[in-house]
């Protein structure tokens, strides 16, 4: 069974979630719970750093879709950064790159808020 490590970092009110491992049917609930916690704390400016994310499944993608409406309705957003080629292709193929802004590095994503 694959694991997902989620390391949060607060940069001047913007939460960076560093993902490492696999975001799939076994781990998506951890990511969903973390986003729910941030929403509950009204920390809705979120950067998801994926340079160490090895794999994302439809369950993982579903978390982004299930939370983005609530986050944006509270004046926030989710920005994606450092997607490796394999993960980026999944996002692009499913049209997620039209729904979520992607950036090459964390600093660019932070500056976009």
PDB file of N, CA and C in Angstrom:
ATOM      1  N   UNK A   1       0.843  -1.175   0.000  1.00  0.00           N
ATOM      2  CA  UNK A   1       0.000   0.000   0.000  1.00  0.00           C
ATOM      3  C   UNK A   1       0.892   1.244   0.000  1.00  0.00           C
ATOM      4  N   UNK A   2       0.570   2.181  -0.860  1.00  0.00           N
ATOM      5  CA  UNK A   2       1.346   3.414  -0.999  1.00  0.00           C
ATOM      6  C   UNK A   2       0.997   4.401   0.107  1.00  0.00           C
ATOM      7  N   UNK A   3       1.908   5.306   0.338  1.00  0.00           N
ATOM      8  CA  UNK A   3       1.715   6.323   1.364  1.00  0.00           C
ATOM      9  C   UNK A   3       1.710   7.706   0.761  1.00  0.00           C
ATOM     10  N   UNK A   4       1.112   8.642   1.501  1.00  0.00           N
ATOM     11  CA  UNK A   4       1.133  10.053   1.149  1.00  0.00           C
ATOM     12  C   UNK A   4       1.592  10.829   2.369  1.00  0.00           C
ATOM     13  N   UNK A   5       2.625  11.625   2.181  1.00  0.00           N
ATOM     14  CA  UNK A   5       3.095  12.517   3.232  1.00  0.00           C
ATOM     15  C   UNK A   5       2.664  13.924   2.864  1.00  0.00           C
ATOM     16  N   UNK A   6       2.013  14.608   3.797  1.00  0.00           N
ATOM     17  CA  UNK A   6       1.559  15.982   3.575  1.00  0.00           C
ATOM     18  C   UNK A   6       2.261  16.859   4.603  1.00  0.00           C
ATOM     19  N   UNK A   7       3.139  17.733   4.106  1.00  0.00           N
ATOM     20  CA  UNK A   7       3.867  18.621   5.012  1.00  0.00           C
ATOM     21  C   UNK A   7       3.366  20.052   4.805  1.00  0.00           C
ATOM     22  N   UNK A   8       2.671  20.615   5.803  1.00  0.00           N
ATOM     23  CA  UNK A   8       2.162  21.977   5.668  1.00  0.00           C
ATOM     24  C   UNK A   8       3.234  23.004   6.017  1.00  0.00           C
ATOM     25  N   UNK A   9       3.135  24.149   5.360  1.00  0.00           N
ATOM     26  CA  UNK A   9       4.037  25.262   5.628  1.00  0.00           C
ATOM     27  C   UNK A   9       3.238  26.553   5.445  1.00  0.00           C
ATOM     28  N   UNK A  10       3.297  27.440   6.408  1.00  0.00           N
ATOM     29  CA  UNK A  10       2.588  28.719   6.337  1.00  0.00           C
ATOM     30  C   UNK A  10       3.564  29.804   5.904  1.00  0.00           C
ATOM     31  N   UNK A  11       3.287  30.438   4.774  1.00  0.00           N
ATOM     32  CA  UNK A  11       4.106  31.544   4.268  1.00  0.00           C
ATOM     33  C   UNK A  11       3.243  32.796   4.218  1.00  0.00           C
ATOM     34  N   UNK A  12       3.293  33.573   5.276  1.00  0.00           N
ATOM     35  CA  UNK A  12       2.550  34.836   5.337  1.00  0.00           C
ATOM     36  C   UNK A  12       1.073  34.667   5.022  1.00  0.00           C
ATOM     37  N   UNK A  13       0.466  33.653   5.613  1.00  0.00           N
ATOM     38  CA  UNK A  13      -0.968  33.440   5.437  1.00  0.00           C
ATOM     39  C   UNK A  13      -1.353  32.569   4.254  1.00  0.00           C
ATOM     40  N   UNK A  14      -0.398  32.188   3.434  1.00  0.00           N
ATOM     41  CA  UNK A  14      -0.658  31.251   2.345  1.00  0.00           C
ATOM     42  C   UNK A  14      -0.138  29.892   2.805  1.00  0.00           C
ATOM     43  N   UNK A  15      -0.999  28.893   2.744  1.00  0.00           N
ATOM     44  CA  UNK A  15      -0.603  27.554   3.160  1.00  0.00           C
ATOM     45  C   UNK A  15      -0.014  26.796   1.970  1.00  0.00           C
ATOM     46  N   UNK A  16       1.176  26.266   2.183  1.00  0.00           N
ATOM     47  CA  UNK A  16       1.804  25.407   1.182  1.00  0.00           C
ATOM     48  C   UNK A  16       1.685  23.974   1.691  1.00  0.00           C
ATOM     49  N   UNK A  17       1.117  23.121   0.874  1.00  0.00           N
ATOM     50  CA  UNK A  17       1.036  21.700   1.201  1.00  0.00           C
ATOM     51  C   UNK A  17       2.013  20.956   0.297  1.00  0.00           C
ATOM     52  N   UNK A  18       3.072  20.431   0.879  1.00  0.00           N
ATOM     53  CA  UNK A  18       4.059  19.654   0.144  1.00  0.00           C
ATOM     54  C   UNK A  18       3.594  18.200   0.151  1.00  0.00           C
ATOM     55  N   UNK A  19       3.297  17.677  -1.031  1.00  0.00           N
ATOM     56  CA  UNK A  19       2.840  16.290  -1.147  1.00  0.00           C
ATOM     57  C   UNK A  19       3.987  15.387  -1.577  1.00  0.00           C
ATOM     58  N   UNK A  20       4.087  14.241  -0.926  1.00  0.00           N
ATOM     59  CA  UNK A  20       5.126  13.278  -1.272  1.00  0.00           C
ATOM     60  C   UNK A  20       4.514  11.877  -1.280  1.00  0.00           C
ATOM     61  N   UNK A  21       4.707  11.168  -2.372  1.00  0.00           N
ATOM     62  CA  UNK A  21       4.220   9.794  -2.447  1.00  0.00           C
ATOM     63  C   UNK A  21       3.112   9.626  -3.462  1.00  0.00           C
ATOM     64  N   UNK A  22       2.036   8.987  -3.014  1.00  0.00           N
ATOM     65  CA  UNK A  22       0.936   8.616  -3.904  1.00  0.00           C
ATOM     66  C   UNK A  22      -0.372   9.192  -3.386  1.00  0.00           C
ATOM     67  N   UNK A  23      -1.083   9.918  -4.249  1.00  0.00           N
ATOM     68  CA  UNK A  23      -2.412  10.438  -3.922  1.00  0.00           C
ATOM     69  C   UNK A  23      -3.410   9.586  -4.699  1.00  0.00           C
ATOM     70  N   UNK A  24      -3.969   8.597  -3.999  1.00  0.00           N
ATOM     71  CA  UNK A  24      -4.800   7.613  -4.681  1.00  0.00           C
ATOM     72  C   UNK A  24      -5.964   7.183  -3.793  1.00  0.00           C
ATOM     73  N   UNK A  25      -6.594   6.074  -4.148  1.00  0.00           N
ATOM     74  CA  UNK A  25      -7.776   5.601  -3.411  1.00  0.00           C
ATOM     75  C   UNK A  25      -7.468   5.269  -1.956  1.00  0.00           C
ATOM     76  N   UNK A  26      -6.220   4.976  -1.644  1.00  0.00           N
ATOM     77  CA  UNK A  26      -5.840   4.644  -0.267  1.00  0.00           C
ATOM     78  C   UNK A  26      -5.490   5.870   0.566  1.00  0.00           C
ATOM     79  N   UNK A  27      -5.117   6.967  -0.106  1.00  0.00           N
ATOM     80  CA  UNK A  27      -4.589   8.125   0.624  1.00  0.00           C
ATOM     81  C   UNK A  27      -5.392   9.415   0.444  1.00  0.00           C
ATOM     82  N   UNK A  28      -6.347   9.431  -0.487  1.00  0.00           N
ATOM     83  CA  UNK A  28      -7.045  10.678  -0.791  1.00  0.00           C
ATOM     84  C   UNK A  28      -7.742  11.263   0.427  1.00  0.00           C
ATOM     85  N   UNK A  29      -8.215  10.408   1.333  1.00  0.00           N
ATOM     86  CA  UNK A  29      -8.952  10.893   2.500  1.00  0.00           C
ATOM     87  C   UNK A  29      -8.071  11.770   3.394  1.00  0.00           C
ATOM     88  N   UNK A  30      -6.791  11.440   3.492  1.00  0.00           N
ATOM     89  CA  UNK A  30      -5.867  12.262   4.279  1.00  0.00           C
ATOM     90  C   UNK A  30      -5.759  13.670   3.693  1.00  0.00           C
ATOM     91  N   UNK A  31      -5.644  13.738   2.381  1.00  0.00           N
ATOM     92  CA  UNK A  31      -5.548  15.030   1.696  1.00  0.00           C
ATOM     93  C   UNK A  31      -6.860  15.803   1.833  1.00  0.00           C
ATOM     94  N   UNK A  32      -7.969  15.119   1.657  1.00  0.00           N
ATOM     95  CA  UNK A  32      -9.277  15.761   1.795  1.00  0.00           C
ATOM     96  C   UNK A  32      -9.469  16.295   3.212  1.00  0.00           C
ATOM     97  N   UNK A  33      -9.079  15.516   4.204  1.00  0.00           N
ATOM     98  CA  UNK A  33      -9.198  15.963   5.598  1.00  0.00           C
ATOM     99  C   UNK A  33      -8.336  17.188   5.859  1.00  0.00           C
ATOM    100  N   UNK A  34      -7.136  17.201   5.302  1.00  0.00           N
ATOM    101  CA  UNK A  34      -6.243  18.347   5.502  1.00  0.00           C
ATOM    102  C   UNK A  34      -6.842  19.611   4.890  1.00  0.00           C
ATOM    103  N   UNK A  35      -7.400  19.499   3.686  1.00  0.00           N
ATOM    104  CA  UNK A  35      -8.042  20.654   3.057  1.00  0.00           C
ATOM    105  C   UNK A  35      -9.255  21.108   3.870  1.00  0.00           C
ATOM    106  N   UNK A  36     -10.033  20.172   4.381  1.00  0.00           N
ATOM    107  CA  UNK A  36     -11.195  20.523   5.209  1.00  0.00           C
ATOM    108  C   UNK A  36     -10.763  21.273   6.468  1.00  0.00           C
ATOM    109  N   UNK A  37      -9.665  20.830   7.077  1.00  0.00           N
ATOM    110  CA  UNK A  37      -9.138  21.531   8.258  1.00  0.00           C
ATOM    111  C   UNK A  37      -8.759  22.964   7.918  1.00  0.00           C
ATOM    112  N   UNK A  38      -8.083  23.140   6.785  1.00  0.00           N
ATOM    113  CA  UNK A  38      -7.678  24.489   6.378  1.00  0.00           C
ATOM    114  C   UNK A  38      -8.890  25.369   6.111  1.00  0.00           C
ATOM    115  N   UNK A  39      -9.898  24.824   5.457  1.00  0.00           N
ATOM    116  CA  UNK A  39     -11.122  25.582   5.190  1.00  0.00           C
ATOM    117  C   UNK A  39     -11.777  25.978   6.512  1.00  0.00           C
ATOM    118  N   UNK A  40     -11.827  25.045   7.454  1.00  0.00           N
ATOM    119  CA  UNK A  40     -12.411  25.323   8.768  1.00  0.00           C
ATOM    120  C   UNK A  40     -11.678  26.425   9.514  1.00  0.00           C
ATOM    121  N   UNK A  41     -10.380  26.556   9.261  1.00  0.00           N
ATOM    122  CA  UNK A  41      -9.574  27.605   9.878  1.00  0.00           C
ATOM    123  C   UNK A  41      -9.532  28.865   9.015  1.00  0.00           C
ATOM    124  N   UNK A  42     -10.305  28.872   7.927  1.00  0.00           N
ATOM    125  CA  UNK A  42     -10.356  29.960   6.951  1.00  0.00           C
ATOM    126  C   UNK A  42      -8.984  30.251   6.334  1.00  0.00           C
ATOM    127  N   UNK A  43      -8.195  29.216   6.166  1.00  0.00           N
ATOM    128  CA  UNK A  43      -6.911  29.314   5.466  1.00  0.00           C
ATOM    129  C   UNK A  43      -7.149  28.777   4.059  1.00  0.00           C
ATOM    130  N   UNK A  44      -7.626  29.672   3.196  1.00  0.00           N
ATOM    131  CA  UNK A  44      -8.105  29.235   1.885  1.00  0.00           C
ATOM    132  C   UNK A  44      -7.212  29.677   0.722  1.00  0.00           C
ATOM    133  N   UNK A  45      -6.075  30.261   1.023  1.00  0.00           N
ATOM    134  CA  UNK A  45      -5.071  30.524  -0.007  1.00  0.00           C
ATOM    135  C   UNK A  45      -4.063  29.386   0.119  1.00  0.00           C
ATOM    136  N   UNK A  46      -4.105  28.487  -0.879  1.00  0.00           N
ATOM    137  CA  UNK A  46      -3.374  27.222  -0.761  1.00  0.00           C
ATOM    138  C   UNK A  46      -2.531  26.979  -2.011  1.00  0.00           C
ATOM    139  N   UNK A  47      -1.277  26.634  -1.778  1.00  0.00           N
ATOM    140  CA  UNK A  47      -0.376  26.189  -2.836  1.00  0.00           C
ATOM    141  C   UNK A  47      -0.091  24.713  -2.577  1.00  0.00           C
ATOM    142  N   UNK A  48      -0.258  23.892  -3.602  1.00  0.00           N
ATOM    143  CA  UNK A  48       0.047  22.470  -3.473  1.00  0.00           C
ATOM    144  C   UNK A  48       1.315  22.189  -4.278  1.00  0.00           C
ATOM    145  N   UNK A  49       2.390  21.878  -3.565  1.00  0.00           N
ATOM    146  CA  UNK A  49       3.683  21.577  -4.181  1.00  0.00           C
ATOM    147  C   UNK A  49       3.769  20.077  -4.442  1.00  0.00           C
ATOM    148  N   UNK A  50       3.976  19.720  -5.700  1.00  0.00           N
ATOM    149  CA  UNK A  50       3.904  18.316  -6.094  1.00  0.00           C
ATOM    150  C   UNK A  50       5.206  17.760  -6.641  1.00  0.00           C
ATOM    151  N   UNK A  51       6.328  18.379  -6.322  1.00  0.00           N
ATOM    152  CA  UNK A  51       7.594  17.896  -6.880  1.00  0.00           C
ATOM    153  C   UNK A  51       7.954  16.499  -6.393  1.00  0.00           C
ATOM    154  N   UNK A  52       7.388  16.076  -5.271  1.00  0.00           N
ATOM    155  CA  UNK A  52       7.669  14.731  -4.764  1.00  0.00           C
ATOM    156  C   UNK A  52       6.441  13.812  -4.835  1.00  0.00           C
ATOM    157  N   UNK A  53       5.414  14.247  -5.573  1.00  0.00           N
ATOM    158  CA  UNK A  53       4.228  13.408  -5.768  1.00  0.00           C
ATOM    159  C   UNK A  53       4.505  12.478  -6.944  1.00  0.00           C
ATOM    160  N   UNK A  54       4.511  11.181  -6.674  1.00  0.00           N
ATOM    161  CA  UNK A  54       4.850  10.199  -7.695  1.00  0.00           C
ATOM    162  C   UNK A  54       3.661   9.772  -8.546  1.00  0.00           C
ATOM    163  N   UNK A  55       2.441   9.894  -7.982  1.00  0.00           N
ATOM    164  CA  UNK A  55       1.272   9.350  -8.678  1.00  0.00           C
ATOM    165  C   UNK A  55       0.016  10.029  -8.146  1.00  0.00           C
ATOM    166  N   UNK A  56      -0.941  10.273  -9.050  1.00  0.00           N
ATOM    167  CA  UNK A  56      -2.253  10.763  -8.650  1.00  0.00           C
ATOM    168  C   UNK A  56      -3.309   9.971  -9.417  1.00  0.00           C
ATOM    169  N   UNK A  57      -4.338   9.521  -8.708  1.00  0.00           N
ATOM    170  CA  UNK A  57      -5.421   8.760  -9.328  1.00  0.00           C
ATOM    171  C   UNK A  57      -6.664   9.638  -9.423  1.00  0.00           C
ATOM    172  N   UNK A  58      -7.717   9.062  -9.973  1.00  0.00           N
ATOM    173  CA  UNK A  58      -8.976   9.799 -10.078  1.00  0.00           C
ATOM    174  C   UNK A  58      -9.510  10.169  -8.698  1.00  0.00           C
ATOM    175  N   UNK A  59      -9.262   9.348  -7.700  1.00  0.00           N
ATOM    176  CA  UNK A  59      -9.699   9.673  -6.330  1.00  0.00           C
ATOM    177  C   UNK A  59      -8.985  10.925  -5.833  1.00  0.00           C
ATOM    178  N   UNK A  60      -7.702  11.023  -6.124  1.00  0.00           N
ATOM    179  CA  UNK A  60      -6.941  12.208  -5.738  1.00  0.00           C
ATOM    180  C   UNK A  60      -7.409  13.449  -6.471  1.00  0.00           C
ATOM    181  N   UNK A  61      -7.659  13.312  -7.760  1.00  0.00           N
ATOM    182  CA  UNK A  61      -8.167  14.433  -8.548  1.00  0.00           C
ATOM    183  C   UNK A  61      -9.536  14.880  -8.048  1.00  0.00           C
ATOM    184  N   UNK A  62     -10.325  13.926  -7.606  1.00  0.00           N
ATOM    185  CA  UNK A  62     -11.658  14.236  -7.095  1.00  0.00           C
ATOM    186  C   UNK A  62     -11.624  15.143  -5.877  1.00  0.00           C
ATOM    187  N   UNK A  63     -10.583  15.028  -5.074  1.00  0.00           N
ATOM    188  CA  UNK A  63     -10.456  15.901  -3.903  1.00  0.00           C
ATOM    189  C   UNK A  63     -10.334  17.352  -4.337  1.00  0.00           C
ATOM    190  N   UNK A  64      -9.524  17.605  -5.356  1.00  0.00           N
ATOM    191  CA  UNK A  64      -9.379  18.977  -5.854  1.00  0.00           C
ATOM    192  C   UNK A  64     -10.732  19.521  -6.307  1.00  0.00           C
ATOM    193  N   UNK A  65     -11.471  18.698  -7.042  1.00  0.00           N
ATOM    194  CA  UNK A  65     -12.770  19.147  -7.555  1.00  0.00           C
ATOM    195  C   UNK A  65     -13.794  19.332  -6.446  1.00  0.00           C
ATOM    196  N   UNK A  66     -13.738  18.495  -5.421  1.00  0.00           N
ATOM    197  CA  UNK A  66     -14.742  18.586  -4.362  1.00  0.00           C
ATOM    198  C   UNK A  66     -14.520  19.787  -3.450  1.00  0.00           C
ATOM    199  N   UNK A  67     -13.301  20.301  -3.387  1.00  0.00           N
ATOM    200  CA  UNK A  67     -12.993  21.384  -2.447  1.00  0.00           C
ATOM    201  C   UNK A  67     -12.845  22.756  -3.093  1.00  0.00           C
ATOM    202  N   UNK A  68     -12.581  22.817  -4.393  1.00  0.00           N
ATOM    203  CA  UNK A  68     -12.257  24.103  -5.013  1.00  0.00           C
ATOM    204  C   UNK A  68     -13.416  25.096  -4.954  1.00  0.00           C
ATOM    205  N   UNK A  69     -14.636  24.637  -5.118  1.00  0.00           N
ATOM    206  CA  UNK A  69     -15.783  25.543  -5.069  1.00  0.00           C
ATOM    207  C   UNK A  69     -15.910  26.234  -3.719  1.00  0.00           C
ATOM    208  N   UNK A  70     -15.791  25.459  -2.667  1.00  0.00           N
ATOM    209  CA  UNK A  70     -15.893  26.019  -1.318  1.00  0.00           C
ATOM    210  C   UNK A  70     -14.737  26.976  -1.029  1.00  0.00           C
ATOM    211  N   UNK A  71     -13.551  26.611  -1.460  1.00  0.00           N
ATOM    212  CA  UNK A  71     -12.377  27.461  -1.240  1.00  0.00           C
ATOM    213  C   UNK A  71     -12.527  28.783  -1.988  1.00  0.00           C
ATOM    214  N   UNK A  72     -12.942  28.722  -3.238  1.00  0.00           N
ATOM    215  CA  UNK A  72     -13.104  29.956  -4.024  1.00  0.00           C
ATOM    216  C   UNK A  72     -14.260  30.799  -3.505  1.00  0.00           C
ATOM    217  N   UNK A  73     -15.308  30.168  -2.999  1.00  0.00           N
ATOM    218  CA  UNK A  73     -16.438  30.945  -2.459  1.00  0.00           C
ATOM    219  C   UNK A  73     -16.043  31.718  -1.210  1.00  0.00           C
ATOM    220  N   UNK A  74     -14.954  31.322  -0.581  1.00  0.00           N
ATOM    221  CA  UNK A  74     -14.440  32.015   0.605  1.00  0.00           C
ATOM    222  C   UNK A  74     -13.321  32.989   0.251  1.00  0.00           C
ATOM    223  N   UNK A  75     -13.131  33.245  -1.040  1.00  0.00           N
ATOM    224  CA  UNK A  75     -12.119  34.204  -1.478  1.00  0.00           C
ATOM    225  C   UNK A  75     -10.732  33.627  -1.640  1.00  0.00           C
ATOM    226  N   UNK A  76     -10.612  32.307  -1.618  1.00  0.00           N
ATOM    227  CA  UNK A  76      -9.307  31.667  -1.752  1.00  0.00           C
ATOM    228  C   UNK A  76      -9.144  30.977  -3.086  1.00  0.00           C
ATOM    229  N   UNK A  77      -8.096  30.183  -3.178  1.00  0.00           N
ATOM    230  CA  UNK A  77      -7.846  29.408  -4.392  1.00  0.00           C
ATOM    231  C   UNK A  77      -6.805  28.335  -4.072  1.00  0.00           C
ATOM    232  N   UNK A  78      -6.702  27.383  -4.966  1.00  0.00           N
ATOM    233  CA  UNK A  78      -5.650  26.373  -4.911  1.00  0.00           C
ATOM    234  C   UNK A  78      -4.771  26.586  -6.138  1.00  0.00           C
ATOM    235  N   UNK A  79      -3.486  26.780  -5.906  1.00  0.00           N
ATOM    236  CA  UNK A  79      -2.508  26.915  -6.984  1.00  0.00           C
ATOM    237  C   UNK A  79      -1.608  25.690  -6.938  1.00  0.00           C
ATOM    238  N   UNK A  80      -1.254  25.177  -8.098  1.00  0.00           N
ATOM    239  CA  UNK A  80      -0.448  23.968  -8.193  1.00  0.00           C
ATOM    240  C   UNK A  80       0.960  24.326  -8.665  1.00  0.00           C
ATOM    241  N   UNK A  81       1.945  23.682  -8.076  1.00  0.00           N
ATOM    242  CA  UNK A  81       3.316  23.975  -8.469  1.00  0.00           C
ATOM    243  C   UNK A  81       4.176  22.718  -8.500  1.00  0.00           C
ATOM    244  N   UNK A  82       5.196  22.786  -9.338  1.00  0.00           N
ATOM    245  CA  UNK A  82       6.221  21.756  -9.435  1.00  0.00           C
ATOM    246  C   UNK A  82       5.664  20.380  -9.786  1.00  0.00           C
ATOM    247  N   UNK A  83       4.698  20.329 -10.694  1.00  0.00           N
ATOM    248  CA  UNK A  83       4.154  19.046 -11.129  1.00  0.00           C
ATOM    249  C   UNK A  83       5.184  18.337 -12.000  1.00  0.00           C
ATOM    250  N   UNK A  84       5.460  17.071 -11.688  1.00  0.00           N
ATOM    251  CA  UNK A  84       6.357  16.336 -12.575  1.00  0.00           C
ATOM    252  C   UNK A  84       5.606  16.027 -13.869  1.00  0.00           C
ATOM    253  N   UNK A  85       6.328  15.584 -14.865  1.00  0.00           N
ATOM    254  CA  UNK A  85       5.742  15.382 -16.192  1.00  0.00           C
ATOM    255  C   UNK A  85       4.553  14.437 -16.157  1.00  0.00           C
ATOM    256  N   UNK A  86       4.676  13.348 -15.442  1.00  0.00           N
ATOM    257  CA  UNK A  86       3.605  12.337 -15.399  1.00  0.00           C
ATOM    258  C   UNK A  86       2.335  12.893 -14.762  1.00  0.00           C
ATOM    259  N   UNK A  87       2.486  13.584 -13.638  1.00  0.00           N
ATOM    260  CA  UNK A  87       1.322  14.158 -12.951  1.00  0.00           C
ATOM    261  C   UNK A  87       0.724  15.299 -13.776  1.00  0.00           C
ATOM    262  N   UNK A  88       1.580  16.127 -14.379  1.00  0.00           N
ATOM    263  CA  UNK A  88       1.086  17.225 -15.211  1.00  0.00           C
ATOM    264  C   UNK A  88       0.253  16.692 -16.372  1.00  0.00           C
ATOM    265  N   UNK A  89       0.695  15.618 -16.994  1.00  0.00           N
ATOM    266  CA  UNK A  89      -0.049  15.047 -18.133  1.00  0.00           C
ATOM    267  C   UNK A  89      -1.442  14.601 -17.720  1.00  0.00           C
ATOM    268  N   UNK A  90      -1.571  14.047 -16.521  1.00  0.00           N
ATOM    269  CA  UNK A  90      -2.889  13.643 -16.025  1.00  0.00           C
ATOM    270  C   UNK A  90      -3.777  14.876 -15.864  1.00  0.00           C
ATOM    271  N   UNK A  91      -3.246  15.923 -15.234  1.00  0.00           N
ATOM    272  CA  UNK A  91      -4.016  17.158 -15.047  1.00  0.00           C
ATOM    273  C   UNK A  91      -4.405  17.767 -16.391  1.00  0.00           C
ATOM    274  N   UNK A  92      -3.473  17.769 -17.327  1.00  0.00           N
ATOM    275  CA  UNK A  92      -3.727  18.354 -18.642  1.00  0.00           C
ATOM    276  C   UNK A  92      -4.749  17.540 -19.429  1.00  0.00           C
ATOM    277  N   UNK A  93      -4.595  16.233 -19.432  1.00  0.00           N
ATOM    278  CA  UNK A  93      -5.489  15.352 -20.174  1.00  0.00           C
ATOM    279  C   UNK A  93      -6.944  15.519 -19.727  1.00  0.00           C
ATOM    280  N   UNK A  94      -7.152  15.705 -18.437  1.00  0.00           N
ATOM    281  CA  UNK A  94      -8.506  15.831 -17.896  1.00  0.00           C
ATOM    282  C   UNK A  94      -9.010  17.272 -17.841  1.00  0.00           C
ATOM    283  N   UNK A  95      -8.225  18.208 -18.353  1.00  0.00           N
ATOM    284  CA  UNK A  95      -8.652  19.598 -18.413  1.00  0.00           C
ATOM    285  C   UNK A  95      -8.472  20.368 -17.112  1.00  0.00           C
ATOM    286  N   UNK A  96      -7.782  19.802 -16.159  1.00  0.00           N
ATOM    287  CA  UNK A  96      -7.592  20.472 -14.873  1.00  0.00           C
ATOM    288  C   UNK A  96      -6.686  21.688 -14.990  1.00  0.00           C
ATOM    289  N   UNK A  97      -5.835  21.735 -16.017  1.00  0.00           N
ATOM    290  CA  UNK A  97      -4.957  22.887 -16.172  1.00  0.00           C
ATOM    291  C   UNK A  97      -5.747  24.129 -16.598  1.00  0.00           C
ATOM    292  N   UNK A  98      -6.994  23.938 -17.010  1.00  0.00           N
ATOM    293  CA  UNK A  98      -7.867  25.083 -17.312  1.00  0.00           C
ATOM    294  C   UNK A  98      -8.600  25.551 -16.061  1.00  0.00           C
ATOM    295  N   UNK A  99      -8.706  24.680 -15.064  1.00  0.00           N
ATOM    296  CA  UNK A  99      -9.409  25.015 -13.822  1.00  0.00           C
ATOM    297  C   UNK A  99      -8.472  25.498 -12.712  1.00  0.00           C
ATOM    298  N   UNK A 100      -7.218  25.052 -12.774  1.00  0.00           N
ATOM    299  CA  UNK A 100      -6.243  25.377 -11.735  1.00  0.00           C
ATOM    300  C   UNK A 100      -5.010  25.993 -12.383  1.00  0.00           C
ATOM    301  N   UNK A 101      -4.515  27.066 -11.793  1.00  0.00           N
ATOM    302  CA  UNK A 101      -3.276  27.655 -12.279  1.00  0.00           C
ATOM    303  C   UNK A 101      -2.105  26.785 -11.836  1.00  0.00           C
ATOM    304  N   UNK A 102      -1.150  26.589 -12.748  1.00  0.00           N
ATOM    305  CA  UNK A 102       0.050  25.821 -12.419  1.00  0.00           C
ATOM    306  C   UNK A 102       1.268  26.728 -12.562  1.00  0.00           C
ATOM    307  N   UNK A 103       2.257  26.483 -11.718  1.00  0.00           N
ATOM    308  CA  UNK A 103       3.466  27.298 -11.691  1.00  0.00           C
ATOM    309  C   UNK A 103       4.681  26.389 -11.607  1.00  0.00           C
ATOM    310  N   UNK A 104       5.802  26.900 -12.113  1.00  0.00           N
ATOM    311  CA  UNK A 104       7.045  26.134 -12.093  1.00  0.00           C
ATOM    312  C   UNK A 104       7.651  26.048 -10.697  1.00  0.00           C
ATOM    313  N   UNK A 105       7.425  27.095  -9.877  1.00  0.00           N
ATOM    314  CA  UNK A 105       8.023  27.084  -8.542  1.00  0.00           C
ATOM    315  C   UNK A 105       7.077  27.707  -7.516  1.00  0.00           C
ATOM    316  N   UNK A 106       7.385  27.466  -6.271  1.00  0.00           N
ATOM    317  CA  UNK A 106       6.532  27.920  -5.171  1.00  0.00           C
ATOM    318  C   UNK A 106       6.455  29.438  -5.127  1.00  0.00           C
ATOM    319  N   UNK A 107       7.568  30.117  -5.336  1.00  0.00           N
ATOM    320  CA  UNK A 107       7.564  31.578  -5.253  1.00  0.00           C
ATOM    321  C   UNK A 107       6.584  32.200  -6.237  1.00  0.00           C
ATOM    322  N   UNK A 108       6.568  31.706  -7.475  1.00  0.00           N
ATOM    323  CA  UNK A 108       5.616  32.215  -8.465  1.00  0.00           C
ATOM    324  C   UNK A 108       4.175  31.995  -8.000  1.00  0.00           C
ATOM    325  N   UNK A 109       3.908  30.839  -7.449  1.00  0.00           N
ATOM    326  CA  UNK A 109       2.561  30.536  -6.977  1.00  0.00           C
ATOM    327  C   UNK A 109       2.180  31.469  -5.836  1.00  0.00           C
ATOM    328  N   UNK A 110       3.097  31.708  -4.900  1.00  0.00           N
ATOM    329  CA  UNK A 110       2.825  32.618  -3.787  1.00  0.00           C
ATOM    330  C   UNK A 110       2.530  34.019  -4.280  1.00  0.00           C
ATOM    331  N   UNK A 111       3.302  34.484  -5.243  1.00  0.00           N
ATOM    332  CA  UNK A 111       3.132  35.839  -5.779  1.00  0.00           C
ATOM    333  C   UNK A 111       1.835  36.007  -6.553  1.00  0.00           C
ATOM    334  N   UNK A 112       1.213  34.901  -6.970  1.00  0.00           N
ATOM    335  CA  UNK A 112      -0.018  34.996  -7.755  1.00  0.00           C
ATOM    336  C   UNK A 112      -1.239  35.333  -6.899  1.00  0.00           C
ATOM    337  N   UNK A 113      -1.093  35.265  -5.580  1.00  0.00           N
ATOM    338  CA  UNK A 113      -2.225  35.600  -4.689  1.00  0.00           C
ATOM    339  C   UNK A 113      -2.293  37.101  -4.464  1.00  0.00           C
TER     340      UNK A 113
END
